[in-house]
Amino acid sequence: MNYFQAIILAIIEGLTEFLPVSSTGHMIIGSSFMGIASDPFVKLFTVAIQLGAILSVVVLYFKRFFKSINFYFKLIVAFIPAAVFGLLLSKKIDELLESPMAVGISLLVGGIILLFVDKWFDKPTINEEEQISYLTALKIGFFQCIAMIPGVSRSGATIVGGMTQKLSRKLAAEFSFFLAVPTMFAATGKKLLDFYKDGHTITPEQTNLLIIGNVVAFIVALLAIKSFIGYLNKHGFKMFGWYRIVAGLIIIILLMTGHNLQII
């Protein structure tokens, strides 16, 4: 991986982390196009730079993170399912991280679902974080587990999960952002541990790539979050659904016609 490739992946991460289009899926496709998807450090990089994007949530919603102790407990409860399933399925998840076909199928199926969620869950009754119960937080946490399949979208799964529990679109999106903080801290830590356990080490140049990647992802994500919230409130998910369907079909067709998505 070179610096240009690192910056491209970081921009993709910052733009897509909080959109229901799957940041991991887009980075898998991006790294596959660049011919670096199977490199162990690239796998670490695509997880670790999500931390930079997630830190933008802490900056933008700084006051909310110190609002009440119950806020933290709800995030912990919602985080538990992903922590358990992530540990149990880590090897299978790593295998899927090399599969553009898995991304294409997930984008397609998820896109079809997003075309209808606004009609399915159009009568929210929960508009404030204080109204979210611990059981509701846990249920949203189980939805987050679905996003372990590349291409599903962590934000998309948790936002839809929140809407199934009667959260408004805005609150569901914000809770999804908050839940990303402990989730991505844990995912990055686990990925680093596995990287070293497998006998790899991080070189000074790779350290620089990680720093640059996280900084770029952080800056781009800052710009993307508020735009997404505003758009979601006005227009809902349909545009994202169509985008996912088109992107998924293109990927599937390319792969089925013998293209390996490696062009660089």
Protein backbone atom coordinates (compact mmCIF):
# COMPACT_ATOMS: atom_id res chain seq x y z
CA MET A 1 0.00 0.00 0.00
CA ASN A 2 1.27 3.45 -0.89
CA TYR A 3 0.19 6.88 0.37
CA PHE A 4 -2.10 7.55 -2.57
CA GLN A 5 -3.96 4.28 -1.98
CA ALA A 6 -4.19 5.03 1.74
CA ILE A 7 -5.71 8.46 1.11
CA ILE A 8 -8.22 7.08 -1.39
CA LEU A 9 -9.39 4.42 1.07
CA ALA A 10 -9.59 7.00 3.87
CA ILE A 11 -11.76 9.30 1.76
CA ILE A 12 -14.04 6.36 0.95
CA GLU A 13 -14.24 5.55 4.66
CA GLY A 14 -15.01 9.11 5.72
CA LEU A 15 -17.73 9.49 3.09
CA THR A 16 -19.43 6.15 3.67
CA GLU A 17 -19.03 5.31 7.38
CA PHE A 18 -22.25 7.02 8.38
CA LEU A 19 -24.22 6.41 5.21
CA PRO A 20 -26.28 3.20 4.91
CA VAL A 21 -24.12 1.99 2.02
CA SER A 22 -21.40 0.03 3.89
CA SER A 23 -18.02 1.68 4.38
CA THR A 24 -16.32 -1.71 4.75
CA GLY A 25 -17.91 -2.95 1.54
CA HIS A 26 -16.75 0.13 -0.36
CA MET A 27 -13.22 -0.20 1.01
CA ILE A 28 -13.13 -3.87 0.01
CA ILE A 29 -14.16 -2.93 -3.51
CA GLY A 30 -11.71 -0.02 -3.52
CA SER A 31 -8.81 -2.15 -2.30
CA SER A 32 -9.79 -4.91 -4.76
CA PHE A 33 -9.67 -2.42 -7.64
CA MET A 34 -6.20 -1.42 -6.46
CA GLY A 35 -5.12 -5.04 -6.14
CA ILE A 36 -4.27 -4.87 -2.43
CA ALA A 37 -7.34 -6.41 -0.76
CA SER A 38 -5.61 -9.61 0.42
CA ASP A 39 -2.65 -7.85 2.06
CA PRO A 40 -2.75 -8.36 5.89
CA PHE A 41 -1.86 -4.74 6.59
CA VAL A 42 -4.59 -3.49 4.25
CA LYS A 43 -7.13 -5.58 6.18
CA LEU A 44 -5.89 -3.93 9.38
CA PHE A 45 -5.90 -0.49 7.75
CA THR A 46 -9.52 -0.72 6.56
CA VAL A 47 -10.64 -1.46 10.12
CA ALA A 48 -8.29 0.90 11.95
CA ILE A 49 -9.10 4.03 9.93
CA GLN A 50 -12.76 3.64 10.85
CA LEU A 51 -11.61 4.84 14.25
CA GLY A 52 -10.73 8.23 12.77
CA ALA A 53 -14.17 8.56 11.23
CA ILE A 54 -15.84 7.50 14.47
CA LEU A 55 -13.93 10.12 16.48
CA SER A 56 -15.72 12.76 14.44
CA VAL A 57 -18.89 11.69 16.26
CA VAL A 58 -17.26 12.47 19.61
CA VAL A 59 -16.30 15.93 18.37
CA LEU A 60 -19.68 16.77 16.83
CA TYR A 61 -21.74 15.36 19.71
CA PHE A 62 -19.32 16.17 22.51
CA LYS A 63 -21.95 17.43 24.96
CA ARG A 64 -24.17 14.38 24.41
CA PHE A 65 -21.36 12.09 25.55
CA PHE A 66 -21.38 13.72 28.97
CA LYS A 67 -25.12 14.08 29.36
CA SER A 68 -25.81 11.18 31.73
CA ILE A 69 -24.31 7.93 33.00
CA ASN A 70 -27.30 6.01 31.63
CA PHE A 71 -26.19 7.02 28.15
CA TYR A 72 -23.00 4.98 28.56
CA PHE A 73 -24.80 1.99 30.02
CA LYS A 74 -27.17 1.90 27.06
CA LEU A 75 -24.24 1.98 24.64
CA ILE A 76 -22.56 -0.86 26.54
CA VAL A 77 -25.73 -2.95 26.44
CA ALA A 78 -26.12 -2.30 22.69
CA PHE A 79 -22.44 -3.14 22.12
CA ILE A 80 -22.54 -6.56 23.86
CA PRO A 81 -24.04 -8.61 20.96
CA ALA A 82 -21.41 -7.40 18.49
CA ALA A 83 -18.63 -8.08 20.99
CA VAL A 84 -19.79 -11.67 21.52
CA PHE A 85 -20.48 -12.53 17.89
CA GLY A 86 -17.36 -10.69 16.74
CA LEU A 87 -15.17 -12.91 18.90
CA LEU A 88 -16.99 -16.09 17.88
CA LEU A 89 -17.01 -15.37 14.15
CA SER A 90 -13.77 -13.43 13.67
CA LYS A 91 -12.18 -15.96 11.29
CA LYS A 92 -15.25 -16.17 9.09
CA ILE A 93 -15.50 -12.39 9.02
CA ASP A 94 -11.87 -12.15 7.88
CA GLU A 95 -12.62 -14.55 5.02
CA LEU A 96 -15.59 -12.44 3.90
CA LEU A 97 -13.41 -9.31 3.96
CA GLU A 98 -11.73 -10.63 0.80
CA SER A 99 -14.99 -11.29 -1.04
CA PRO A 100 -16.26 -8.62 -3.48
CA MET A 101 -19.13 -10.99 -4.36
CA ALA A 102 -20.34 -10.97 -0.75
CA VAL A 103 -20.26 -7.18 -0.88
CA GLY A 104 -22.21 -7.08 -4.16
CA ILE A 105 -24.96 -9.38 -2.90
CA SER A 106 -25.23 -7.54 0.42
CA LEU A 107 -25.43 -4.16 -1.32
CA LEU A 108 -28.20 -5.44 -3.59
CA VAL A 109 -30.32 -7.05 -0.85
CA GLY A 110 -29.81 -4.13 1.53
CA GLY A 111 -30.75 -1.68 -1.20
CA ILE A 112 -34.06 -3.42 -1.84
CA ILE A 113 -34.84 -3.24 1.89
CA LEU A 114 -34.00 0.48 2.07
CA LEU A 115 -36.55 1.23 -0.65
CA PHE A 116 -39.33 0.29 1.75
CA VAL A 117 -38.16 1.06 5.32
CA ASP A 118 -39.59 4.59 5.31
CA LYS A 119 -43.08 3.15 4.68
CA TRP A 120 -42.64 0.20 7.03
CA PHE A 121 -41.61 2.32 10.02
CA ASP A 122 -43.37 5.65 9.49
CA LYS A 123 -44.92 6.08 12.94
CA PRO A 124 -42.08 6.62 15.45
CA THR A 125 -42.92 7.18 19.10
CA ILE A 126 -39.40 7.67 20.51
CA ASN A 127 -37.75 11.00 19.73
CA GLU A 128 -35.35 11.49 22.65
CA GLU A 129 -32.40 9.37 23.82
CA GLU A 130 -33.82 9.25 27.37
CA GLN A 131 -36.81 7.29 26.02
CA ILE A 132 -34.63 4.43 24.77
CA SER A 133 -34.88 1.50 27.18
CA TYR A 134 -32.08 -0.98 27.86
CA LEU A 135 -34.06 -3.70 26.09
CA THR A 136 -34.44 -1.47 23.03
CA ALA A 137 -30.69 -0.76 23.09
CA LEU A 138 -29.98 -4.50 23.23
CA LYS A 139 -32.27 -5.18 20.26
CA ILE A 140 -30.50 -2.50 18.22
CA GLY A 141 -27.23 -4.17 19.19
CA PHE A 142 -28.36 -7.43 17.62
CA PHE A 143 -29.11 -5.58 14.38
CA GLN A 144 -25.52 -4.34 14.42
CA CYS A 145 -24.34 -7.96 14.27
CA ILE A 146 -25.86 -8.31 10.80
CA ALA A 147 -23.30 -5.75 9.61
CA MET A 148 -20.49 -8.24 10.21
CA ILE A 149 -21.33 -9.38 6.68
CA PRO A 150 -19.36 -7.00 4.39
CA GLY A 151 -21.67 -4.80 2.36
CA VAL A 152 -24.53 -4.79 4.86
CA SER A 153 -23.57 -1.43 6.45
CA ARG A 154 -23.21 -1.06 10.20
CA SER A 155 -24.94 2.32 10.21
CA GLY A 156 -27.71 1.07 7.93
CA ALA A 157 -28.38 -2.03 10.03
CA THR A 158 -28.46 -0.13 13.33
CA ILE A 159 -30.54 2.75 11.97
CA VAL A 160 -33.12 0.33 10.57
CA GLY A 161 -32.89 -1.60 13.84
CA GLY A 162 -33.68 1.57 15.75
CA MET A 163 -36.60 2.37 13.47
CA THR A 164 -38.07 -1.11 14.08
CA GLN A 165 -38.11 -0.13 17.77
CA LYS A 166 -40.10 3.04 17.04
CA LEU A 167 -37.16 5.47 17.09
CA SER A 168 -37.42 8.47 14.77
CA ARG A 169 -35.05 8.45 11.79
CA LYS A 170 -32.95 11.22 13.33
CA LEU A 171 -32.64 9.55 16.73
CA ALA A 172 -31.99 6.14 15.16
CA ALA A 173 -29.18 7.65 13.09
CA GLU A 174 -27.65 9.46 16.07
CA PHE A 175 -27.80 6.37 18.29
CA SER A 176 -26.14 4.43 15.47
CA PHE A 177 -23.33 7.01 15.42
CA PHE A 178 -22.88 6.80 19.19
CA LEU A 179 -22.85 3.00 19.14
CA ALA A 180 -20.09 3.09 16.54
CA VAL A 181 -17.64 4.54 19.10
CA PRO A 182 -17.23 1.52 21.42
CA THR A 183 -17.74 -0.88 18.51
CA MET A 184 -14.91 0.51 16.40
CA PHE A 185 -12.56 0.95 19.35
CA ALA A 186 -13.04 -2.74 20.13
CA ALA A 187 -12.79 -3.81 16.48
CA THR A 188 -9.55 -1.88 15.99
CA GLY A 189 -8.05 -3.32 19.17
CA LYS A 190 -9.03 -6.86 18.17
CA LYS A 191 -7.63 -6.40 14.66
CA LEU A 192 -4.33 -5.07 15.98
CA LEU A 193 -4.04 -7.99 18.40
CA ASP A 194 -4.73 -10.53 15.65
CA PHE A 195 -2.25 -8.78 13.36
CA TYR A 196 0.55 -9.22 15.90
CA LYS A 197 -0.54 -12.74 16.85
CA ASP A 198 -0.16 -13.76 13.21
CA GLY A 199 3.48 -12.70 13.37
CA HIS A 200 3.17 -9.37 11.57
CA THR A 201 4.68 -6.10 12.71
CA ILE A 202 3.87 -2.52 11.80
CA THR A 203 6.71 -0.68 10.11
CA PRO A 204 7.34 3.07 10.57
CA GLU A 205 5.97 3.68 7.07
CA GLN A 206 2.82 1.68 7.87
CA THR A 207 2.43 3.73 11.06
CA ASN A 208 2.50 6.88 8.93
CA LEU A 209 -0.13 5.36 6.62
CA LEU A 210 -2.39 4.65 9.60
CA ILE A 211 -1.97 8.19 10.92
CA ILE A 212 -2.69 9.77 7.54
CA GLY A 213 -5.63 7.42 6.97
CA ASN A 214 -7.23 8.25 10.31
CA VAL A 215 -6.74 12.01 9.88
CA VAL A 216 -8.24 12.03 6.38
CA ALA A 217 -11.16 9.80 7.44
CA PHE A 218 -11.80 12.07 10.45
CA ILE A 219 -11.92 15.27 8.37
CA VAL A 220 -14.10 13.81 5.62
CA ALA A 221 -16.48 12.23 8.15
CA LEU A 222 -16.92 15.57 9.93
CA LEU A 223 -18.26 17.00 6.69
CA ALA A 224 -20.40 13.97 5.89
CA ILE A 225 -22.30 13.46 9.17
CA LYS A 226 -24.40 16.62 9.28
CA SER A 227 -25.12 16.45 5.57
CA PHE A 228 -26.44 12.91 6.03
CA ILE A 229 -28.65 13.81 9.01
CA GLY A 230 -30.17 16.73 7.09
CA TYR A 231 -30.79 14.67 3.98
CA LEU A 232 -32.22 11.74 5.96
CA ASN A 233 -34.72 13.96 7.75
CA LYS A 234 -35.98 15.45 4.48
CA HIS A 235 -35.81 12.55 2.04
CA GLY A 236 -35.41 9.22 3.87
CA PHE A 237 -33.58 6.16 2.58
CA LYS A 238 -34.88 5.63 -0.96
CA MET A 239 -31.95 7.29 -2.75
CA PHE A 240 -29.49 5.16 -0.77
CA GLY A 241 -31.51 2.08 -1.64
CA TRP A 242 -31.28 2.76 -5.38
CA TYR A 243 -27.58 3.51 -5.07
CA ARG A 244 -26.96 0.19 -3.32
CA ILE A 245 -28.98 -1.73 -5.91
CA VAL A 246 -27.09 -0.20 -8.85
CA ALA A 247 -23.69 -0.63 -7.17
CA GLY A 248 -24.46 -4.20 -6.15
CA LEU A 249 -25.63 -5.18 -9.62
CA ILE A 250 -22.55 -3.66 -11.24
CA ILE A 251 -20.23 -5.58 -8.90
CA ILE A 252 -22.09 -8.86 -9.38
CA ILE A 253 -22.17 -8.50 -13.17
CA LEU A 254 -18.46 -7.65 -13.33
CA LEU A 255 -17.54 -10.64 -11.20
CA MET A 256 -19.83 -13.04 -13.08
CA THR A 257 -18.33 -11.94 -16.40
CA GLY A 258 -14.83 -12.79 -15.24
CA HIS A 259 -13.55 -9.46 -14.01
CA ASN A 260 -11.44 -9.70 -10.84
CA LEU A 261 -11.81 -5.98 -9.94
CA GLN A 262 -8.06 -5.49 -9.84
CA ILE A 263 -7.15 -2.63 -12.16
CA ILE A 264 -4.20 -0.97 -10.38
